[in-house]
Amino acid sequence: MTEDPAAPATALDNARLAAVISPLRRLLLASARSAEQLPEIPDAQIEVIRALPRGVVSSPGELADLLGLSRSTVSNLLTVMEDRGLIARRPSAEDGRRVDVLASAQALTFFERFDRASTAIVAEAAASLPIADREALAAAIPALEHLRDALAPPTEQPTKSPHNRKEAE
């Protein structure tokens, strides 16, 4: 028997959860940028960099599929990012008709600094909470990961690491 997704399993307040997630993300992003004096990089560009960790290359089409964006949107993002020195495009060694995209050293450094700052900010804020709240947050992480996966487009398989893309040579 399939569960009714609208039926309350517990006292989950979907509107309240949705209302907390977006501001929480914006606050963390702004705090990390400020702490590390990072340049303003739009979320969509951050997601492209996140999809291209050190040593990984991907085609624009693969990025579009991975990010759930149209190919023209990704093409426009890549043009701006290339102009800002955040990515590089190069002909594929395997297929001369294909272009490979990789994050620049500068972009990866920004991203690593952002991740370190975000982790420290969350750790400091969490440490200020009562232990029961910290335990509730720790217990909620798997459920939030499942929620993220459930929100992803059906064709997209969220991954913790980009194993499906090739390593840069």
C-alpha atoms as a PDB file:
ATOM      1  CA  MET A   1       0.000   0.000   0.000  1.00  0.00           C
ATOM      2  CA  THR A   2       1.392   3.404  -0.998  1.00  0.00           C
ATOM      3  CA  GLU A   3       1.470   6.097   1.632  1.00  0.00           C
ATOM      4  CA  ASP A   4      -0.353   9.357   1.032  1.00  0.00           C
ATOM      5  CA  PRO A   5       2.518  11.893   0.852  1.00  0.00           C
ATOM      6  CA  ALA A   6       0.216  14.598   2.207  1.00  0.00           C
ATOM      7  CA  ALA A   7      -0.707  12.518   5.263  1.00  0.00           C
ATOM      8  CA  PRO A   8       1.268  13.587   8.316  1.00  0.00           C
ATOM      9  CA  ALA A   9       3.599  10.765   9.428  1.00  0.00           C
ATOM     10  CA  THR A  10       4.415  12.913  12.434  1.00  0.00           C
ATOM     11  CA  ALA A  11       3.905  16.569  13.024  1.00  0.00           C
ATOM     12  CA  LEU A  12       6.035  17.566  10.014  1.00  0.00           C
ATOM     13  CA  ASP A  13       5.206  21.112   9.026  1.00  0.00           C
ATOM     14  CA  ASN A  14       6.154  21.166   5.322  1.00  0.00           C
ATOM     15  CA  ALA A  15       5.621  24.904   4.943  1.00  0.00           C
ATOM     16  CA  ARG A  16       7.791  25.638   7.976  1.00  0.00           C
ATOM     17  CA  LEU A  17      10.548  23.320   6.721  1.00  0.00           C
ATOM     18  CA  ALA A  18      10.525  24.971   3.296  1.00  0.00           C
ATOM     19  CA  ALA A  19      10.533  28.412   4.923  1.00  0.00           C
ATOM     20  CA  VAL A  20      13.637  27.524   6.959  1.00  0.00           C
ATOM     21  CA  ILE A  21      15.762  25.880   4.268  1.00  0.00           C
ATOM     22  CA  SER A  22      16.154  28.805   1.850  1.00  0.00           C
ATOM     23  CA  PRO A  23      17.036  31.499   4.416  1.00  0.00           C
ATOM     24  CA  LEU A  24      19.382  29.078   6.174  1.00  0.00           C
ATOM     25  CA  ARG A  25      21.255  28.495   2.914  1.00  0.00           C
ATOM     26  CA  ARG A  26      21.411  32.228   2.134  1.00  0.00           C
ATOM     27  CA  LEU A  27      22.695  33.041   5.639  1.00  0.00           C
ATOM     28  CA  LEU A  28      25.382  30.371   5.430  1.00  0.00           C
ATOM     29  CA  LEU A  29      26.442  31.532   1.968  1.00  0.00           C
ATOM     30  CA  ALA A  30      26.641  35.194   3.019  1.00  0.00           C
ATOM     31  CA  SER A  31      28.482  34.360   6.254  1.00  0.00           C
ATOM     32  CA  ALA A  32      31.065  32.183   4.492  1.00  0.00           C
ATOM     33  CA  ARG A  33      31.626  34.786   1.767  1.00  0.00           C
ATOM     34  CA  SER A  34      32.116  37.465   4.401  1.00  0.00           C
ATOM     35  CA  ALA A  35      34.403  35.350   6.602  1.00  0.00           C
ATOM     36  CA  GLU A  36      36.687  34.485   3.690  1.00  0.00           C
ATOM     37  CA  GLN A  37      36.254  37.756   1.769  1.00  0.00           C
ATOM     38  CA  LEU A  38      35.192  35.741  -1.254  1.00  0.00           C
ATOM     39  CA  PRO A  39      33.928  37.347  -4.437  1.00  0.00           C
ATOM     40  CA  GLU A  40      30.231  37.275  -5.211  1.00  0.00           C
ATOM     41  CA  ILE A  41      29.746  34.111  -7.252  1.00  0.00           C
ATOM     42  CA  PRO A  42      26.145  33.325  -8.196  1.00  0.00           C
ATOM     43  CA  ASP A  43      24.673  30.070  -6.905  1.00  0.00           C
ATOM     44  CA  ALA A  44      24.431  28.572 -10.399  1.00  0.00           C
ATOM     45  CA  GLN A  45      28.166  29.128 -10.931  1.00  0.00           C
ATOM     46  CA  ILE A  46      28.926  27.613  -7.526  1.00  0.00           C
ATOM     47  CA  GLU A  47      26.959  24.531  -8.546  1.00  0.00           C
ATOM     48  CA  VAL A  48      29.041  24.241 -11.726  1.00  0.00           C
ATOM     49  CA  ILE A  49      32.249  24.434  -9.664  1.00  0.00           C
ATOM     50  CA  ARG A  50      30.829  21.881  -7.197  1.00  0.00           C
ATOM     51  CA  ALA A  51      30.203  19.553 -10.157  1.00  0.00           C
ATOM     52  CA  LEU A  52      33.858  19.888 -11.253  1.00  0.00           C
ATOM     53  CA  PRO A  53      36.035  18.956  -8.282  1.00  0.00           C
ATOM     54  CA  ARG A  54      39.795  18.903  -8.696  1.00  0.00           C
ATOM     55  CA  GLY A  55      40.868  16.507 -11.438  1.00  0.00           C
ATOM     56  CA  VAL A  56      37.406  16.059 -12.980  1.00  0.00           C
ATOM     57  CA  VAL A  57      36.359  17.188 -16.441  1.00  0.00           C
ATOM     58  CA  SER A  58      32.895  17.104 -17.932  1.00  0.00           C
ATOM     59  CA  SER A  59      31.219  18.120 -21.157  1.00  0.00           C
ATOM     60  CA  PRO A  60      28.742  21.015 -21.166  1.00  0.00           C
ATOM     61  CA  GLY A  61      25.955  18.525 -21.946  1.00  0.00           C
ATOM     62  CA  GLU A  62      26.915  16.328 -18.991  1.00  0.00           C
ATOM     63  CA  LEU A  63      26.918  19.397 -16.743  1.00  0.00           C
ATOM     64  CA  ALA A  64      23.469  20.395 -18.003  1.00  0.00           C
ATOM     65  CA  ASP A  65      22.128  16.917 -17.260  1.00  0.00           C
ATOM     66  CA  LEU A  66      23.807  16.753 -13.855  1.00  0.00           C
ATOM     67  CA  LEU A  67      22.574  20.193 -12.794  1.00  0.00           C
ATOM     68  CA  GLY A  68      19.114  19.844 -14.312  1.00  0.00           C
ATOM     69  CA  LEU A  69      19.623  22.933 -16.484  1.00  0.00           C
ATOM     70  CA  SER A  70      19.102  23.514 -20.182  1.00  0.00           C
ATOM     71  CA  ARG A  71      22.147  23.247 -22.418  1.00  0.00           C
ATOM     72  CA  SER A  72      21.792  26.904 -23.438  1.00  0.00           C
ATOM     73  CA  THR A  73      21.745  27.990 -19.771  1.00  0.00           C
ATOM     74  CA  VAL A  74      24.898  25.990 -19.083  1.00  0.00           C
ATOM     75  CA  SER A  75      26.547  27.398 -22.210  1.00  0.00           C
ATOM     76  CA  ASN A  76      25.816  30.941 -21.015  1.00  0.00           C
ATOM     77  CA  LEU A  77      27.072  30.130 -17.498  1.00  0.00           C
ATOM     78  CA  LEU A  78      30.280  28.658 -18.884  1.00  0.00           C
ATOM     79  CA  THR A  79      30.915  31.694 -21.091  1.00  0.00           C
ATOM     80  CA  VAL A  80      30.644  34.046 -18.105  1.00  0.00           C
ATOM     81  CA  MET A  81      32.674  31.716 -15.892  1.00  0.00           C
ATOM     82  CA  GLU A  82      35.404  31.396 -18.502  1.00  0.00           C
ATOM     83  CA  ASP A  83      35.567  35.194 -18.796  1.00  0.00           C
ATOM     84  CA  ARG A  84      35.952  35.395 -14.985  1.00  0.00           C
ATOM     85  CA  GLY A  85      38.683  32.739 -14.969  1.00  0.00           C
ATOM     86  CA  LEU A  86      36.567  30.201 -13.065  1.00  0.00           C
ATOM     87  CA  ILE A  87      36.574  27.418 -15.681  1.00  0.00           C
ATOM     88  CA  ALA A  88      38.543  26.416 -18.747  1.00  0.00           C
ATOM     89  CA  ARG A  89      37.271  24.703 -21.865  1.00  0.00           C
ATOM     90  CA  ARG A  90      39.531  22.532 -23.950  1.00  0.00           C
ATOM     91  CA  PRO A  91      39.091  20.133 -26.854  1.00  0.00           C
ATOM     92  CA  SER A  92      38.512  16.578 -25.714  1.00  0.00           C
ATOM     93  CA  ALA A  93      41.500  14.304 -26.145  1.00  0.00           C
ATOM     94  CA  GLU A  94      39.089  11.487 -27.066  1.00  0.00           C
ATOM     95  CA  ASP A  95      36.828  13.290 -29.538  1.00  0.00           C
ATOM     96  CA  GLY A  96      37.866  16.473 -31.340  1.00  0.00           C
ATOM     97  CA  ARG A  97      34.207  17.502 -31.734  1.00  0.00           C
ATOM     98  CA  ARG A  98      33.686  17.485 -27.977  1.00  0.00           C
ATOM     99  CA  VAL A  99      34.697  20.119 -25.441  1.00  0.00           C
ATOM    100  CA  ASP A 100      35.781  19.299 -21.905  1.00  0.00           C
ATOM    101  CA  VAL A 101      35.196  21.725 -19.052  1.00  0.00           C
ATOM    102  CA  LEU A 102      37.262  21.904 -15.879  1.00  0.00           C
ATOM    103  CA  ALA A 103      37.263  24.246 -12.915  1.00  0.00           C
ATOM    104  CA  SER A 104      40.237  26.589 -12.678  1.00  0.00           C
ATOM    105  CA  ALA A 105      42.687  26.471  -9.786  1.00  0.00           C
ATOM    106  CA  GLN A 106      41.307  29.846  -8.665  1.00  0.00           C
ATOM    107  CA  ALA A 107      37.709  28.536  -8.609  1.00  0.00           C
ATOM    108  CA  LEU A 108      38.727  25.419  -6.694  1.00  0.00           C
ATOM    109  CA  THR A 109      40.587  27.544  -4.155  1.00  0.00           C
ATOM    110  CA  PHE A 110      37.501  29.766  -3.698  1.00  0.00           C
ATOM    111  CA  PHE A 111      35.335  26.682  -3.288  1.00  0.00           C
ATOM    112  CA  GLU A 112      37.686  25.058  -0.761  1.00  0.00           C
ATOM    113  CA  ARG A 113      37.802  28.284   1.261  1.00  0.00           C
ATOM    114  CA  PHE A 114      34.008  28.527   1.102  1.00  0.00           C
ATOM    115  CA  ASP A 115      33.619  24.922   2.300  1.00  0.00           C
ATOM    116  CA  ARG A 116      36.084  25.417   5.177  1.00  0.00           C
ATOM    117  CA  ALA A 117      34.358  28.625   6.251  1.00  0.00           C
ATOM    118  CA  SER A 118      30.890  27.057   5.968  1.00  0.00           C
ATOM    119  CA  THR A 119      31.962  24.088   8.066  1.00  0.00           C
ATOM    120  CA  ALA A 120      33.460  26.337  10.735  1.00  0.00           C
ATOM    121  CA  ILE A 121      30.383  28.593  10.806  1.00  0.00           C
ATOM    122  CA  VAL A 122      28.006  25.644  11.163  1.00  0.00           C
ATOM    123  CA  ALA A 123      30.238  24.100  13.854  1.00  0.00           C
ATOM    124  CA  GLU A 124      30.333  27.334  15.844  1.00  0.00           C
ATOM    125  CA  ALA A 125      26.586  27.915  15.558  1.00  0.00           C
ATOM    126  CA  ALA A 126      25.791  24.290  16.417  1.00  0.00           C
ATOM    127  CA  ALA A 127      28.083  24.443  19.463  1.00  0.00           C
ATOM    128  CA  SER A 128      25.960  27.291  20.811  1.00  0.00           C
ATOM    129  CA  LEU A 129      22.815  25.127  20.719  1.00  0.00           C
ATOM    130  CA  PRO A 130      21.604  22.848  23.501  1.00  0.00           C
ATOM    131  CA  ILE A 131      22.838  19.264  23.158  1.00  0.00           C
ATOM    132  CA  ALA A 132      19.310  18.055  22.341  1.00  0.00           C
ATOM    133  CA  ASP A 133      19.221  20.389  19.329  1.00  0.00           C
ATOM    134  CA  ARG A 134      22.674  19.205  18.170  1.00  0.00           C
ATOM    135  CA  GLU A 135      21.523  15.588  18.474  1.00  0.00           C
ATOM    136  CA  ALA A 136      18.351  16.404  16.520  1.00  0.00           C
ATOM    137  CA  LEU A 137      20.435  18.051  13.773  1.00  0.00           C
ATOM    138  CA  ALA A 138      22.762  15.045  13.596  1.00  0.00           C
ATOM    139  CA  ALA A 139      19.783  12.690  13.352  1.00  0.00           C
ATOM    140  CA  ALA A 140      18.156  14.870  10.673  1.00  0.00           C
ATOM    141  CA  ILE A 141      21.093  14.805   8.234  1.00  0.00           C
ATOM    142  CA  PRO A 142      20.165  11.468   6.572  1.00  0.00           C
ATOM    143  CA  ALA A 143      16.529  12.569   6.269  1.00  0.00           C
ATOM    144  CA  LEU A 144      17.608  15.872   4.697  1.00  0.00           C
ATOM    145  CA  GLU A 145      19.819  13.971   2.229  1.00  0.00           C
ATOM    146  CA  HIS A 146      16.826  11.780   1.330  1.00  0.00           C
ATOM    147  CA  LEU A 147      14.670  14.890   0.930  1.00  0.00           C
ATOM    148  CA  ARG A 148      17.293  16.406  -1.385  1.00  0.00           C
ATOM    149  CA  ASP A 149      17.284  13.208  -3.455  1.00  0.00           C
ATOM    150  CA  ALA A 150      13.469  13.155  -3.547  1.00  0.00           C
ATOM    151  CA  LEU A 151      13.436  16.750  -4.818  1.00  0.00           C
ATOM    152  CA  ALA A 152      15.922  16.017  -7.618  1.00  0.00           C
ATOM    153  CA  PRO A 153      14.494  15.612 -11.124  1.00  0.00           C
ATOM    154  CA  PRO A 154      13.666  11.957 -11.859  1.00  0.00           C
ATOM    155  CA  THR A 155      16.429  11.608 -14.459  1.00  0.00           C
ATOM    156  CA  GLU A 156      19.059  13.019 -12.123  1.00  0.00           C
ATOM    157  CA  GLN A 157      20.773  10.703  -9.686  1.00  0.00           C
ATOM    158  CA  PRO A 158      22.349  12.914  -7.005  1.00  0.00           C
ATOM    159  CA  THR A 159      25.818  11.773  -6.125  1.00  0.00           C
ATOM    160  CA  LYS A 160      28.123  12.538  -3.271  1.00  0.00           C
ATOM    161  CA  SER A 161      31.046  12.502  -5.672  1.00  0.00           C
ATOM    162  CA  PRO A 162      31.260  12.717  -9.443  1.00  0.00           C
ATOM    163  CA  HIS A 163      32.479   9.157 -10.110  1.00  0.00           C
ATOM    164  CA  ASN A 164      30.519   9.014 -13.355  1.00  0.00           C
ATOM    165  CA  ARG A 165      32.705  11.679 -14.950  1.00  0.00           C
ATOM    166  CA  LYS A 166      36.209  11.134 -16.126  1.00  0.00           C
ATOM    167  CA  GLU A 167      39.325  12.181 -14.324  1.00  0.00           C
ATOM    168  CA  ALA A 168      41.455  14.870 -15.941  1.00  0.00           C
ATOM    169  CA  GLU A 169      44.683  13.668 -17.419  1.00  0.00           C
END
